[in-house]
Amino acid sequence: MNISKQKLPNLQDYDCVVIGSYVHAGHVSKKIRKFTTQNLEALKNKKLGIYLCMLSEQFDRYLNSNFDKDFLNMVKVKDFFGGELNYQRMNFLYRFILKNIEKNTKPRLGVRVEKIDEFARNLLI
């Protein structure tokens, strides 16, 4: 469900909750951060998974800088699924900067389907 567009259901009705967010300039969605902070009590005793969509391999750094330690300690499965650069949605300057970064760092673009499958398997264990 997209928490930006839909009303949140009662979390007590669920045994398992998977939370996902993009990473943009080192930050996850503010709405996702707010959701995890405001619902910390309701998320206790749930089977939790969190994933990030991002290009960088600095997954742990982004998790720790964006989420509360108490929340992260409750999460069973954590992973990142890769990401993409959508140049069509960028202005000229941003597009220019990112193309230079991409040329120099050569990030692995695209969604990593194998990581999604592994995430789901680990969550079900």
PDB file of N, CA and C in Angstrom:
ATOM      1  N   MET A   1       0.835  -1.166   0.000  1.00  0.00           N
ATOM      2  CA  MET A   1       0.000   0.000   0.000  1.00  0.00           C
ATOM      3  C   MET A   1       0.883   1.234   0.000  1.00  0.00           C
ATOM      4  N   ASN A   2       0.455   2.244  -0.606  1.00  0.00           N
ATOM      5  CA  ASN A   2       1.187   3.507  -0.652  1.00  0.00           C
ATOM      6  C   ASN A   2       0.642   4.415   0.450  1.00  0.00           C
ATOM      7  N   ILE A   3       1.438   4.612   1.519  1.00  0.00           N
ATOM      8  CA  ILE A   3       0.922   5.394   2.651  1.00  0.00           C
ATOM      9  C   ILE A   3       0.717   6.860   2.308  1.00  0.00           C
ATOM     10  N   SER A   4       1.229   7.295   1.175  1.00  0.00           N
ATOM     11  CA  SER A   4       0.993   8.667   0.735  1.00  0.00           C
ATOM     12  C   SER A   4      -0.400   8.845   0.145  1.00  0.00           C
ATOM     13  N   LYS A   5      -0.975   7.737  -0.340  1.00  0.00           N
ATOM     14  CA  LYS A   5      -2.231   7.854  -1.074  1.00  0.00           C
ATOM     15  C   LYS A   5      -3.402   7.116  -0.435  1.00  0.00           C
ATOM     16  N   GLN A   6      -3.117   6.238   0.531  1.00  0.00           N
ATOM     17  CA  GLN A   6      -4.177   5.435   1.107  1.00  0.00           C
ATOM     18  C   GLN A   6      -4.216   5.592   2.624  1.00  0.00           C
ATOM     19  N   LYS A   7      -5.396   5.411   3.166  1.00  0.00           N
ATOM     20  CA  LYS A   7      -5.547   5.436   4.622  1.00  0.00           C
ATOM     21  C   LYS A   7      -4.946   4.154   5.187  1.00  0.00           C
ATOM     22  N   LEU A   8      -4.213   4.303   6.275  1.00  0.00           N
ATOM     23  CA  LEU A   8      -3.573   3.150   6.892  1.00  0.00           C
ATOM     24  C   LEU A   8      -4.597   2.237   7.547  1.00  0.00           C
ATOM     25  N   PRO A   9      -4.424   0.924   7.363  1.00  0.00           N
ATOM     26  CA  PRO A   9      -5.309  -0.007   8.055  1.00  0.00           C
ATOM     27  C   PRO A   9      -4.877  -0.136   9.520  1.00  0.00           C
ATOM     28  N   ASN A  10      -5.659  -0.800  10.295  1.00  0.00           N
ATOM     29  CA  ASN A  10      -5.323  -1.073  11.683  1.00  0.00           C
ATOM     30  C   ASN A  10      -4.211  -2.121  11.700  1.00  0.00           C
ATOM     31  N   LEU A  11      -3.058  -1.772  12.233  1.00  0.00           N
ATOM     32  CA  LEU A  11      -1.913  -2.684  12.233  1.00  0.00           C
ATOM     33  C   LEU A  11      -2.152  -3.914  13.099  1.00  0.00           C
ATOM     34  N   GLN A  12      -3.099  -3.841  14.028  1.00  0.00           N
ATOM     35  CA  GLN A  12      -3.403  -5.002  14.863  1.00  0.00           C
ATOM     36  C   GLN A  12      -3.982  -6.154  14.047  1.00  0.00           C
ATOM     37  N   ASP A  13      -4.467  -5.866  12.850  1.00  0.00           N
ATOM     38  CA  ASP A  13      -5.051  -6.902  11.999  1.00  0.00           C
ATOM     39  C   ASP A  13      -3.996  -7.700  11.236  1.00  0.00           C
ATOM     40  N   TYR A  14      -2.714  -7.359  11.392  1.00  0.00           N
ATOM     41  CA  TYR A  14      -1.658  -7.984  10.609  1.00  0.00           C
ATOM     42  C   TYR A  14      -0.597  -8.610  11.505  1.00  0.00           C
ATOM     43  N   ASP A  15      -0.096  -9.764  11.057  1.00  0.00           N
ATOM     44  CA  ASP A  15       1.007 -10.443  11.754  1.00  0.00           C
ATOM     45  C   ASP A  15       2.356 -10.048  11.170  1.00  0.00           C
ATOM     46  N   CYS A  16       2.345  -9.657   9.917  1.00  0.00           N
ATOM     47  CA  CYS A  16       3.581  -9.353   9.191  1.00  0.00           C
ATOM     48  C   CYS A  16       3.437  -8.003   8.499  1.00  0.00           C
ATOM     49  N   VAL A  17       4.468  -7.172   8.601  1.00  0.00           N
ATOM     50  CA  VAL A  17       4.458  -5.854   7.964  1.00  0.00           C
ATOM     51  C   VAL A  17       5.778  -5.676   7.230  1.00  0.00           C
ATOM     52  N   VAL A  18       5.689  -5.329   5.965  1.00  0.00           N
ATOM     53  CA  VAL A  18       6.871  -5.044   5.149  1.00  0.00           C
ATOM     54  C   VAL A  18       6.844  -3.565   4.807  1.00  0.00           C
ATOM     55  N   ILE A  19       7.960  -2.893   5.078  1.00  0.00           N
ATOM     56  CA  ILE A  19       8.071  -1.453   4.856  1.00  0.00           C
ATOM     57  C   ILE A  19       9.155  -1.212   3.825  1.00  0.00           C
ATOM     58  N   GLY A  20       8.854  -0.403   2.842  1.00  0.00           N
ATOM     59  CA  GLY A  20       9.830  -0.102   1.804  1.00  0.00           C
ATOM     60  C   GLY A  20       9.877   1.379   1.510  1.00  0.00           C
ATOM     61  N   SER A  21      11.048   1.827   1.070  1.00  0.00           N
ATOM     62  CA  SER A  21      11.211   3.235   0.730  1.00  0.00           C
ATOM     63  C   SER A  21      12.312   3.398  -0.308  1.00  0.00           C
ATOM     64  N   TYR A  22      12.225   4.483  -1.032  1.00  0.00           N
ATOM     65  CA  TYR A  22      13.324   4.916  -1.886  1.00  0.00           C
ATOM     66  C   TYR A  22      14.370   5.589  -1.006  1.00  0.00           C
ATOM     67  N   VAL A  23      15.554   5.734  -1.545  1.00  0.00           N
ATOM     68  CA  VAL A  23      16.575   6.566  -0.911  1.00  0.00           C
ATOM     69  C   VAL A  23      16.934   7.641  -1.928  1.00  0.00           C
ATOM     70  N   HIS A  24      16.826   8.882  -1.500  1.00  0.00           N
ATOM     71  CA  HIS A  24      17.168  10.011  -2.372  1.00  0.00           C
ATOM     72  C   HIS A  24      18.108  10.912  -1.595  1.00  0.00           C
ATOM     73  N   ALA A  25      19.301  11.088  -2.112  1.00  0.00           N
ATOM     74  CA  ALA A  25      20.324  11.923  -1.461  1.00  0.00           C
ATOM     75  C   ALA A  25      20.558  11.495  -0.014  1.00  0.00           C
ATOM     76  N   GLY A  26      20.538  10.176   0.204  1.00  0.00           N
ATOM     77  CA  GLY A  26      20.836   9.637   1.525  1.00  0.00           C
ATOM     78  C   GLY A  26      19.665   9.567   2.483  1.00  0.00           C
ATOM     79  N   HIS A  27      18.482   9.986   2.034  1.00  0.00           N
ATOM     80  CA  HIS A  27      17.317  10.034   2.923  1.00  0.00           C
ATOM     81  C   HIS A  27      16.180   9.174   2.378  1.00  0.00           C
ATOM     82  N   VAL A  28      15.496   8.502   3.292  1.00  0.00           N
ATOM     83  CA  VAL A  28      14.295   7.764   2.915  1.00  0.00           C
ATOM     84  C   VAL A  28      13.104   8.718   2.971  1.00  0.00           C
ATOM     85  N   SER A  29      11.976   8.228   2.537  1.00  0.00           N
ATOM     86  CA  SER A  29      10.743   9.014   2.553  1.00  0.00           C
ATOM     87  C   SER A  29      10.429   9.497   3.970  1.00  0.00           C
ATOM     88  N   LYS A  30      10.099  10.770   4.098  1.00  0.00           N
ATOM     89  CA  LYS A  30       9.713  11.319   5.405  1.00  0.00           C
ATOM     90  C   LYS A  30       8.478  10.621   5.953  1.00  0.00           C
ATOM     91  N   LYS A  31       7.561  10.266   5.068  1.00  0.00           N
ATOM     92  CA  LYS A  31       6.330   9.604   5.515  1.00  0.00           C
ATOM     93  C   LYS A  31       6.636   8.214   6.074  1.00  0.00           C
ATOM     94  N   ILE A  32       7.605   7.538   5.514  1.00  0.00           N
ATOM     95  CA  ILE A  32       7.993   6.218   6.020  1.00  0.00           C
ATOM     96  C   ILE A  32       8.661   6.369   7.387  1.00  0.00           C
ATOM     97  N   ARG A  33       9.560   7.337   7.516  1.00  0.00           N
ATOM     98  CA  ARG A  33      10.205   7.566   8.815  1.00  0.00           C
ATOM     99  C   ARG A  33       9.157   7.906   9.878  1.00  0.00           C
ATOM    100  N   LYS A  34       8.232   8.768   9.524  1.00  0.00           N
ATOM    101  CA  LYS A  34       7.176   9.167  10.452  1.00  0.00           C
ATOM    102  C   LYS A  34       6.307   7.962  10.826  1.00  0.00           C
ATOM    103  N   PHE A  35       5.975   7.136   9.848  1.00  0.00           N
ATOM    104  CA  PHE A  35       5.169   5.938  10.090  1.00  0.00           C
ATOM    105  C   PHE A  35       5.854   5.012  11.094  1.00  0.00           C
ATOM    106  N   THR A  36       7.142   4.750  10.904  1.00  0.00           N
ATOM    107  CA  THR A  36       7.837   3.834  11.803  1.00  0.00           C
ATOM    108  C   THR A  36       7.956   4.421  13.209  1.00  0.00           C
ATOM    109  N   THR A  37       8.156   5.712  13.307  1.00  0.00           N
ATOM    110  CA  THR A  37       8.273   6.356  14.623  1.00  0.00           C
ATOM    111  C   THR A  37       6.928   6.375  15.346  1.00  0.00           C
ATOM    112  N   GLN A  38       5.881   6.766  14.647  1.00  0.00           N
ATOM    113  CA  GLN A  38       4.563   6.890  15.278  1.00  0.00           C
ATOM    114  C   GLN A  38       3.913   5.544  15.591  1.00  0.00           C
ATOM    115  N   ASN A  39       4.344   4.488  14.906  1.00  0.00           N
ATOM    116  CA  ASN A  39       3.715   3.180  15.076  1.00  0.00           C
ATOM    117  C   ASN A  39       4.633   2.160  15.737  1.00  0.00           C
ATOM    118  N   LEU A  40       5.641   2.639  16.432  1.00  0.00           N
ATOM    119  CA  LEU A  40       6.619   1.746  17.044  1.00  0.00           C
ATOM    120  C   LEU A  40       5.952   0.719  17.961  1.00  0.00           C
ATOM    121  N   GLU A  41       5.054   1.145  18.803  1.00  0.00           N
ATOM    122  CA  GLU A  41       4.358   0.222  19.720  1.00  0.00           C
ATOM    123  C   GLU A  41       3.514  -0.791  18.952  1.00  0.00           C
ATOM    124  N   ALA A  42       2.793  -0.328  17.942  1.00  0.00           N
ATOM    125  CA  ALA A  42       1.918  -1.213  17.167  1.00  0.00           C
ATOM    126  C   ALA A  42       2.722  -2.229  16.352  1.00  0.00           C
ATOM    127  N   LEU A  43       3.965  -1.913  16.031  1.00  0.00           N
ATOM    128  CA  LEU A  43       4.800  -2.811  15.237  1.00  0.00           C
ATOM    129  C   LEU A  43       5.520  -3.866  16.086  1.00  0.00           C
ATOM    130  N   LYS A  44       5.532  -3.666  17.390  1.00  0.00           N
ATOM    131  CA  LYS A  44       6.151  -4.666  18.270  1.00  0.00           C
ATOM    132  C   LYS A  44       5.407  -5.985  18.130  1.00  0.00           C
ATOM    133  N   ASN A  45       6.143  -7.075  18.209  1.00  0.00           N
ATOM    134  CA  ASN A  45       5.596  -8.436  18.111  1.00  0.00           C
ATOM    135  C   ASN A  45       5.031  -8.761  16.730  1.00  0.00           C
ATOM    136  N   LYS A  46       5.397  -7.972  15.739  1.00  0.00           N
ATOM    137  CA  LYS A  46       5.045  -8.278  14.350  1.00  0.00           C
ATOM    138  C   LYS A  46       6.279  -8.846  13.661  1.00  0.00           C
ATOM    139  N   LYS A  47       6.062  -9.642  12.658  1.00  0.00           N
ATOM    140  CA  LYS A  47       7.161 -10.062  11.807  1.00  0.00           C
ATOM    141  C   LYS A  47       7.404  -8.895  10.851  1.00  0.00           C
ATOM    142  N   LEU A  48       8.574  -8.267  10.962  1.00  0.00           N
ATOM    143  CA  LEU A  48       8.850  -7.047  10.198  1.00  0.00           C
ATOM    144  C   LEU A  48       9.949  -7.258   9.169  1.00  0.00           C
ATOM    145  N   GLY A  49       9.751  -6.643   8.029  1.00  0.00           N
ATOM    146  CA  GLY A  49      10.770  -6.575   6.995  1.00  0.00           C
ATOM    147  C   GLY A  49      10.873  -5.141   6.512  1.00  0.00           C
ATOM    148  N   ILE A  50      12.094  -4.744   6.163  1.00  0.00           N
ATOM    149  CA  ILE A  50      12.277  -3.413   5.584  1.00  0.00           C
ATOM    150  C   ILE A  50      13.218  -3.526   4.400  1.00  0.00           C
ATOM    151  N   TYR A  51      12.864  -2.830   3.326  1.00  0.00           N
ATOM    152  CA  TYR A  51      13.749  -2.795   2.158  1.00  0.00           C
ATOM    153  C   TYR A  51      13.868  -1.357   1.672  1.00  0.00           C
ATOM    154  N   LEU A  52      14.989  -1.090   1.042  1.00  0.00           N
ATOM    155  CA  LEU A  52      15.237   0.212   0.436  1.00  0.00           C
ATOM    156  C   LEU A  52      15.528   0.021  -1.043  1.00  0.00           C
ATOM    157  N   CYS A  53      15.063   0.946  -1.852  1.00  0.00           N
ATOM    158  CA  CYS A  53      15.393   0.979  -3.271  1.00  0.00           C
ATOM    159  C   CYS A  53      16.426   2.073  -3.449  1.00  0.00           C
ATOM    160  N   MET A  54      17.634   1.661  -3.866  1.00  0.00           N
ATOM    161  CA  MET A  54      18.749   2.603  -3.917  1.00  0.00           C
ATOM    162  C   MET A  54      19.854   2.038  -4.788  1.00  0.00           C
ATOM    163  N   LEU A  55      20.741   2.898  -5.218  1.00  0.00           N
ATOM    164  CA  LEU A  55      21.869   2.473  -6.044  1.00  0.00           C
ATOM    165  C   LEU A  55      23.098   2.146  -5.218  1.00  0.00           C
ATOM    166  N   SER A  56      23.272   2.829  -4.123  1.00  0.00           N
ATOM    167  CA  SER A  56      24.472   2.714  -3.313  1.00  0.00           C
ATOM    168  C   SER A  56      24.525   1.382  -2.577  1.00  0.00           C
ATOM    169  N   GLU A  57      25.711   0.951  -2.254  1.00  0.00           N
ATOM    170  CA  GLU A  57      25.906  -0.261  -1.462  1.00  0.00           C
ATOM    171  C   GLU A  57      25.991   0.077   0.028  1.00  0.00           C
ATOM    172  N   GLN A  58      25.700   1.304   0.419  1.00  0.00           N
ATOM    173  CA  GLN A  58      25.829   1.744   1.808  1.00  0.00           C
ATOM    174  C   GLN A  58      24.519   1.540   2.574  1.00  0.00           C
ATOM    175  N   PHE A  59      23.997   0.356   2.466  1.00  0.00           N
ATOM    176  CA  PHE A  59      22.690   0.020   3.029  1.00  0.00           C
ATOM    177  C   PHE A  59      22.630   0.243   4.542  1.00  0.00           C
ATOM    178  N   ASP A  60      23.572  -0.314   5.276  1.00  0.00           N
ATOM    179  CA  ASP A  60      23.554  -0.180   6.738  1.00  0.00           C
ATOM    180  C   ASP A  60      23.639   1.280   7.174  1.00  0.00           C
ATOM    181  N   ARG A  61      24.454   2.038   6.478  1.00  0.00           N
ATOM    182  CA  ARG A  61      24.586   3.462   6.807  1.00  0.00           C
ATOM    183  C   ARG A  61      23.255   4.189   6.637  1.00  0.00           C
ATOM    184  N   TYR A  62      22.562   3.906   5.537  1.00  0.00           N
ATOM    185  CA  TYR A  62      21.281   4.563   5.291  1.00  0.00           C
ATOM    186  C   TYR A  62      20.212   4.106   6.280  1.00  0.00           C
ATOM    187  N   LEU A  63      20.211   2.826   6.620  1.00  0.00           N
ATOM    188  CA  LEU A  63      19.253   2.352   7.622  1.00  0.00           C
ATOM    189  C   LEU A  63      19.469   3.069   8.947  1.00  0.00           C
ATOM    190  N   ASN A  64      20.706   3.061   9.413  1.00  0.00           N
ATOM    191  CA  ASN A  64      21.022   3.633  10.725  1.00  0.00           C
ATOM    192  C   ASN A  64      20.829   5.141  10.787  1.00  0.00           C
ATOM    193  N   SER A  65      21.013   5.825   9.678  1.00  0.00           N
ATOM    194  CA  SER A  65      20.859   7.279   9.701  1.00  0.00           C
ATOM    195  C   SER A  65      19.406   7.725   9.502  1.00  0.00           C
ATOM    196  N   ASN A  66      18.538   6.807   9.080  1.00  0.00           N
ATOM    197  CA  ASN A  66      17.155   7.179   8.796  1.00  0.00           C
ATOM    198  C   ASN A  66      16.113   6.579   9.740  1.00  0.00           C
ATOM    199  N   PHE A  67      16.492   5.547  10.482  1.00  0.00           N
ATOM    200  CA  PHE A  67      15.509   4.870  11.317  1.00  0.00           C
ATOM    201  C   PHE A  67      15.990   4.766  12.757  1.00  0.00           C
ATOM    202  N   ASP A  68      15.025   4.766  13.653  1.00  0.00           N
ATOM    203  CA  ASP A  68      15.268   4.627  15.078  1.00  0.00           C
ATOM    204  C   ASP A  68      15.877   3.252  15.373  1.00  0.00           C
ATOM    205  N   LYS A  69      16.836   3.237  16.283  1.00  0.00           N
ATOM    206  CA  LYS A  69      17.527   1.998  16.652  1.00  0.00           C
ATOM    207  C   LYS A  69      16.549   0.959  17.198  1.00  0.00           C
ATOM    208  N   ASP A  70      15.582   1.398  18.011  1.00  0.00           N
ATOM    209  CA  ASP A  70      14.594   0.468  18.569  1.00  0.00           C
ATOM    210  C   ASP A  70      13.780  -0.195  17.465  1.00  0.00           C
ATOM    211  N   PHE A  71      13.406   0.578  16.464  1.00  0.00           N
ATOM    212  CA  PHE A  71      12.673   0.014  15.329  1.00  0.00           C
ATOM    213  C   PHE A  71      13.543  -1.001  14.598  1.00  0.00           C
ATOM    214  N   LEU A  72      14.768  -0.644  14.277  1.00  0.00           N
ATOM    215  CA  LEU A  72      15.647  -1.546  13.522  1.00  0.00           C
ATOM    216  C   LEU A  72      15.916  -2.841  14.274  1.00  0.00           C
ATOM    217  N   ASN A  73      15.972  -2.786  15.586  1.00  0.00           N
ATOM    218  CA  ASN A  73      16.186  -4.002  16.379  1.00  0.00           C
ATOM    219  C   ASN A  73      15.003  -4.964  16.295  1.00  0.00           C
ATOM    220  N   MET A  74      13.831  -4.458  15.974  1.00  0.00           N
ATOM    221  CA  MET A  74      12.636  -5.300  15.860  1.00  0.00           C
ATOM    222  C   MET A  74      12.529  -5.962  14.480  1.00  0.00           C
ATOM    223  N   VAL A  75      13.239  -5.441  13.501  1.00  0.00           N
ATOM    224  CA  VAL A  75      13.083  -5.898  12.117  1.00  0.00           C
ATOM    225  C   VAL A  75      13.820  -7.218  11.901  1.00  0.00           C
ATOM    226  N   LYS A  76      13.098  -8.188  11.355  1.00  0.00           N
ATOM    227  CA  LYS A  76      13.654  -9.516  11.096  1.00  0.00           C
ATOM    228  C   LYS A  76      14.494  -9.560   9.826  1.00  0.00           C
ATOM    229  N   VAL A  77      13.996  -8.957   8.749  1.00  0.00           N
ATOM    230  CA  VAL A  77      14.669  -9.024   7.452  1.00  0.00           C
ATOM    231  C   VAL A  77      14.885  -7.610   6.929  1.00  0.00           C
ATOM    232  N   LYS A  78      16.133  -7.320   6.539  1.00  0.00           N
ATOM    233  CA  LYS A  78      16.507  -6.002   6.005  1.00  0.00           C
ATOM    234  C   LYS A  78      17.306  -6.229   4.735  1.00  0.00           C
ATOM    235  N   ASP A  79      16.969  -5.480   3.683  1.00  0.00           N
ATOM    236  CA  ASP A  79      17.745  -5.607   2.443  1.00  0.00           C
ATOM    237  C   ASP A  79      17.478  -4.413   1.544  1.00  0.00           C
ATOM    238  N   PHE A  80      18.241  -4.348   0.464  1.00  0.00           N
ATOM    239  CA  PHE A  80      17.987  -3.333  -0.564  1.00  0.00           C
ATOM    240  C   PHE A  80      17.862  -4.034  -1.901  1.00  0.00           C
ATOM    241  N   PHE A  81      17.058  -3.457  -2.775  1.00  0.00           N
ATOM    242  CA  PHE A  81      16.685  -4.110  -4.023  1.00  0.00           C
ATOM    243  C   PHE A  81      17.218  -3.423  -5.277  1.00  0.00           C
ATOM    244  N   GLY A  82      18.192  -2.558  -5.127  1.00  0.00           N
ATOM    245  CA  GLY A  82      18.709  -1.846  -6.290  1.00  0.00           C
ATOM    246  C   GLY A  82      17.879  -0.609  -6.566  1.00  0.00           C
ATOM    247  N   GLY A  83      18.114  -0.005  -7.711  1.00  0.00           N
ATOM    248  CA  GLY A  83      17.380   1.203  -8.049  1.00  0.00           C
ATOM    249  C   GLY A  83      17.666   1.653  -9.459  1.00  0.00           C
ATOM    250  N   GLU A  84      17.040   2.724  -9.827  1.00  0.00           N
ATOM    251  CA  GLU A  84      17.167   3.255 -11.177  1.00  0.00           C
ATOM    252  C   GLU A  84      17.312   4.769 -11.117  1.00  0.00           C
ATOM    253  N   LEU A  85      17.824   5.314 -12.183  1.00  0.00           N
ATOM    254  CA  LEU A  85      17.894   6.770 -12.340  1.00  0.00           C
ATOM    255  C   LEU A  85      16.873   7.160 -13.391  1.00  0.00           C
ATOM    256  N   ASN A  86      15.926   7.989 -13.024  1.00  0.00           N
ATOM    257  CA  ASN A  86      14.882   8.419 -13.943  1.00  0.00           C
ATOM    258  C   ASN A  86      15.227   9.823 -14.444  1.00  0.00           C
ATOM    259  N   TYR A  87      16.012   9.875 -15.493  1.00  0.00           N
ATOM    260  CA  TYR A  87      16.481  11.157 -16.020  1.00  0.00           C
ATOM    261  C   TYR A  87      15.341  12.036 -16.541  1.00  0.00           C
ATOM    262  N   GLN A  88      14.255  11.439 -16.967  1.00  0.00           N
ATOM    263  CA  GLN A  88      13.132  12.208 -17.500  1.00  0.00           C
ATOM    264  C   GLN A  88      12.492  13.107 -16.449  1.00  0.00           C
ATOM    265  N   ARG A  89      12.611  12.735 -15.180  1.00  0.00           N
ATOM    266  CA  ARG A  89      11.994  13.520 -14.109  1.00  0.00           C
ATOM    267  C   ARG A  89      12.951  14.542 -13.500  1.00  0.00           C
ATOM    268  N   MET A  90      14.175  14.625 -14.031  1.00  0.00           N
ATOM    269  CA  MET A  90      15.189  15.509 -13.456  1.00  0.00           C
ATOM    270  C   MET A  90      15.351  16.778 -14.282  1.00  0.00           C
ATOM    271  N   ASN A  91      15.742  17.847 -13.599  1.00  0.00           N
ATOM    272  CA  ASN A  91      16.066  19.057 -14.338  1.00  0.00           C
ATOM    273  C   ASN A  91      17.473  18.911 -14.939  1.00  0.00           C
ATOM    274  N   PHE A  92      17.854  19.851 -15.784  1.00  0.00           N
ATOM    275  CA  PHE A  92      19.111  19.751 -16.518  1.00  0.00           C
ATOM    276  C   PHE A  92      20.321  19.612 -15.594  1.00  0.00           C
ATOM    277  N   LEU A  93      20.412  20.463 -14.580  1.00  0.00           N
ATOM    278  CA  LEU A  93      21.573  20.451 -13.697  1.00  0.00           C
ATOM    279  C   LEU A  93      21.694  19.124 -12.948  1.00  0.00           C
ATOM    280  N   TYR A  94      20.596  18.656 -12.409  1.00  0.00           N
ATOM    281  CA  TYR A  94      20.606  17.388 -11.672  1.00  0.00           C
ATOM    282  C   TYR A  94      20.986  16.229 -12.596  1.00  0.00           C
ATOM    283  N   ARG A  95      20.430  16.236 -13.812  1.00  0.00           N
ATOM    284  CA  ARG A  95      20.736  15.201 -14.808  1.00  0.00           C
ATOM    285  C   ARG A  95      22.228  15.214 -15.144  1.00  0.00           C
ATOM    286  N   PHE A  96      22.787  16.392 -15.329  1.00  0.00           N
ATOM    287  CA  PHE A  96      24.207  16.552 -15.657  1.00  0.00           C
ATOM    288  C   PHE A  96      25.086  15.996 -14.533  1.00  0.00           C
ATOM    289  N   ILE A  97      24.777  16.360 -13.292  1.00  0.00           N
ATOM    290  CA  ILE A  97      25.563  15.901 -12.141  1.00  0.00           C
ATOM    291  C   ILE A  97      25.490  14.383 -12.016  1.00  0.00           C
ATOM    292  N   LEU A  98      24.286  13.826 -12.110  1.00  0.00           N
ATOM    293  CA  LEU A  98      24.147  12.380 -11.943  1.00  0.00           C
ATOM    294  C   LEU A  98      24.785  11.588 -13.071  1.00  0.00           C
ATOM    295  N   LYS A  99      24.743  12.106 -14.279  1.00  0.00           N
ATOM    296  CA  LYS A  99      25.404  11.400 -15.387  1.00  0.00           C
ATOM    297  C   LYS A  99      26.914  11.356 -15.161  1.00  0.00           C
ATOM    298  N   ASN A 100      27.484  12.427 -14.622  1.00  0.00           N
ATOM    299  CA  ASN A 100      28.920  12.420 -14.311  1.00  0.00           C
ATOM    300  C   ASN A 100      29.239  11.451 -13.173  1.00  0.00           C
ATOM    301  N   ILE A 101      28.415  11.426 -12.168  1.00  0.00           N
ATOM    302  CA  ILE A 101      28.615  10.478 -11.066  1.00  0.00           C
ATOM    303  C   ILE A 101      28.499   9.052 -11.587  1.00  0.00           C
ATOM    304  N   GLU A 102      27.490   8.798 -12.401  1.00  0.00           N
ATOM    305  CA  GLU A 102      27.275   7.459 -12.954  1.00  0.00           C
ATOM    306  C   GLU A 102      28.463   7.021 -13.807  1.00  0.00           C
ATOM    307  N   LYS A 103      28.998   7.958 -14.590  1.00  0.00           N
ATOM    308  CA  LYS A 103      30.139   7.636 -15.446  1.00  0.00           C
ATOM    309  C   LYS A 103      31.361   7.258 -14.607  1.00  0.00           C
ATOM    310  N   ASN A 104      31.570   7.938 -13.493  1.00  0.00           N
ATOM    311  CA  ASN A 104      32.746   7.707 -12.661  1.00  0.00           C
ATOM    312  C   ASN A 104      32.609   6.534 -11.699  1.00  0.00           C
ATOM    313  N   THR A 105      31.412   6.297 -11.183  1.00  0.00           N
ATOM    314  CA  THR A 105      31.245   5.248 -10.175  1.00  0.00           C
ATOM    315  C   THR A 105      30.677   3.954 -10.744  1.00  0.00           C
ATOM    316  N   LYS A 106      30.029   4.032 -11.897  1.00  0.00           N
ATOM    317  CA  LYS A 106      29.414   2.889 -12.562  1.00  0.00           C
ATOM    318  C   LYS A 106      28.560   2.034 -11.613  1.00  0.00           C
ATOM    319  N   PRO A 107      27.493   2.641 -11.058  1.00  0.00           N
ATOM    320  CA  PRO A 107      26.632   1.869 -10.148  1.00  0.00           C
ATOM    321  C   PRO A 107      25.878   0.784 -10.904  1.00  0.00           C
ATOM    322  N   ARG A 108      25.520  -0.262 -10.205  1.00  0.00           N
ATOM    323  CA  ARG A 108      24.723  -1.329 -10.807  1.00  0.00           C
ATOM    324  C   ARG A 108      23.268  -0.866 -10.831  1.00  0.00           C
ATOM    325  N   LEU A 109      22.760  -0.581 -12.012  1.00  0.00           N
ATOM    326  CA  LEU A 109      21.391  -0.085 -12.157  1.00  0.00           C
ATOM    327  C   LEU A 109      20.416  -1.246 -12.286  1.00  0.00           C
ATOM    328  N   GLY A 110      19.199  -0.990 -11.900  1.00  0.00           N
ATOM    329  CA  GLY A 110      18.133  -1.964 -12.073  1.00  0.00           C
ATOM    330  C   GLY A 110      17.718  -2.610 -10.769  1.00  0.00           C
ATOM    331  N   VAL A 111      16.538  -3.187 -10.812  1.00  0.00           N
ATOM    332  CA  VAL A 111      15.990  -3.891  -9.664  1.00  0.00           C
ATOM    333  C   VAL A 111      16.633  -5.266  -9.592  1.00  0.00           C
ATOM    334  N   ARG A 112      17.017  -5.669  -8.403  1.00  0.00           N
ATOM    335  CA  ARG A 112      17.677  -6.961  -8.190  1.00  0.00           C
ATOM    336  C   ARG A 112      16.627  -7.976  -7.730  1.00  0.00           C
ATOM    337  N   VAL A 113      16.011  -8.612  -8.698  1.00  0.00           N
ATOM    338  CA  VAL A 113      14.905  -9.532  -8.439  1.00  0.00           C
ATOM    339  C   VAL A 113      15.323 -10.660  -7.501  1.00  0.00           C
ATOM    340  N   GLU A 114      16.547 -11.137  -7.650  1.00  0.00           N
ATOM    341  CA  GLU A 114      17.010 -12.234  -6.796  1.00  0.00           C
ATOM    342  C   GLU A 114      17.015 -11.837  -5.315  1.00  0.00           C
ATOM    343  N   LYS A 115      17.257 -10.560  -5.041  1.00  0.00           N
ATOM    344  CA  LYS A 115      17.242 -10.087  -3.655  1.00  0.00           C
ATOM    345  C   LYS A 115      15.809 -10.028  -3.112  1.00  0.00           C
ATOM    346  N   ILE A 116      14.857  -9.737  -3.975  1.00  0.00           N
ATOM    347  CA  ILE A 116      13.452  -9.705  -3.556  1.00  0.00           C
ATOM    348  C   ILE A 116      13.001 -11.111  -3.169  1.00  0.00           C
ATOM    349  N   ASP A 117      13.359 -12.094  -3.981  1.00  0.00           N
ATOM    350  CA  ASP A 117      13.007 -13.482  -3.680  1.00  0.00           C
ATOM    351  C   ASP A 117      13.625 -13.939  -2.363  1.00  0.00           C
ATOM    352  N   GLU A 118      14.888 -13.611  -2.159  1.00  0.00           N
ATOM    353  CA  GLU A 118      15.575 -13.990  -0.925  1.00  0.00           C
ATOM    354  C   GLU A 118      14.941 -13.308   0.291  1.00  0.00           C
ATOM    355  N   PHE A 119      14.590 -12.045   0.140  1.00  0.00           N
ATOM    356  CA  PHE A 119      13.921 -11.287   1.204  1.00  0.00           C
ATOM    357  C   PHE A 119      12.634 -11.989   1.619  1.00  0.00           C
ATOM    358  N   ALA A 120      11.819 -12.342   0.647  1.00  0.00           N
ATOM    359  CA  ALA A 120      10.530 -12.998   0.929  1.00  0.00           C
ATOM    360  C   ALA A 120      10.749 -14.346   1.609  1.00  0.00           C
ATOM    361  N   ARG A 121      11.687 -15.137   1.124  1.00  0.00           N
ATOM    362  CA  ARG A 121      11.975 -16.435   1.745  1.00  0.00           C
ATOM    363  C   ARG A 121      12.401 -16.265   3.204  1.00  0.00           C
ATOM    364  N   ASN A 122      13.295 -15.312   3.467  1.00  0.00           N
ATOM    365  CA  ASN A 122      13.782 -15.094   4.827  1.00  0.00           C
ATOM    366  C   ASN A 122      12.698 -14.575   5.756  1.00  0.00           C
ATOM    367  N   LEU A 123      11.773 -13.827   5.215  1.00  0.00           N
ATOM    368  CA  LEU A 123      10.674 -13.309   6.026  1.00  0.00           C
ATOM    369  C   LEU A 123       9.708 -14.429   6.436  1.00  0.00           C
ATOM    370  N   LEU A 124       9.586 -15.424   5.577  1.00  0.00           N
ATOM    371  CA  LEU A 124       8.651 -16.522   5.850  1.00  0.00           C
ATOM    372  C   LEU A 124       9.210 -17.556   6.829  1.00  0.00           C
ATOM    373  N   ILE A 125      10.496 -17.540   7.045  1.00  0.00           N
ATOM    374  CA  ILE A 125      11.131 -18.519   7.949  1.00  0.00           C
ATOM    375  C   ILE A 125      10.694 -18.265   9.376  1.00  0.00           C
TER     376      ILE A 125
END
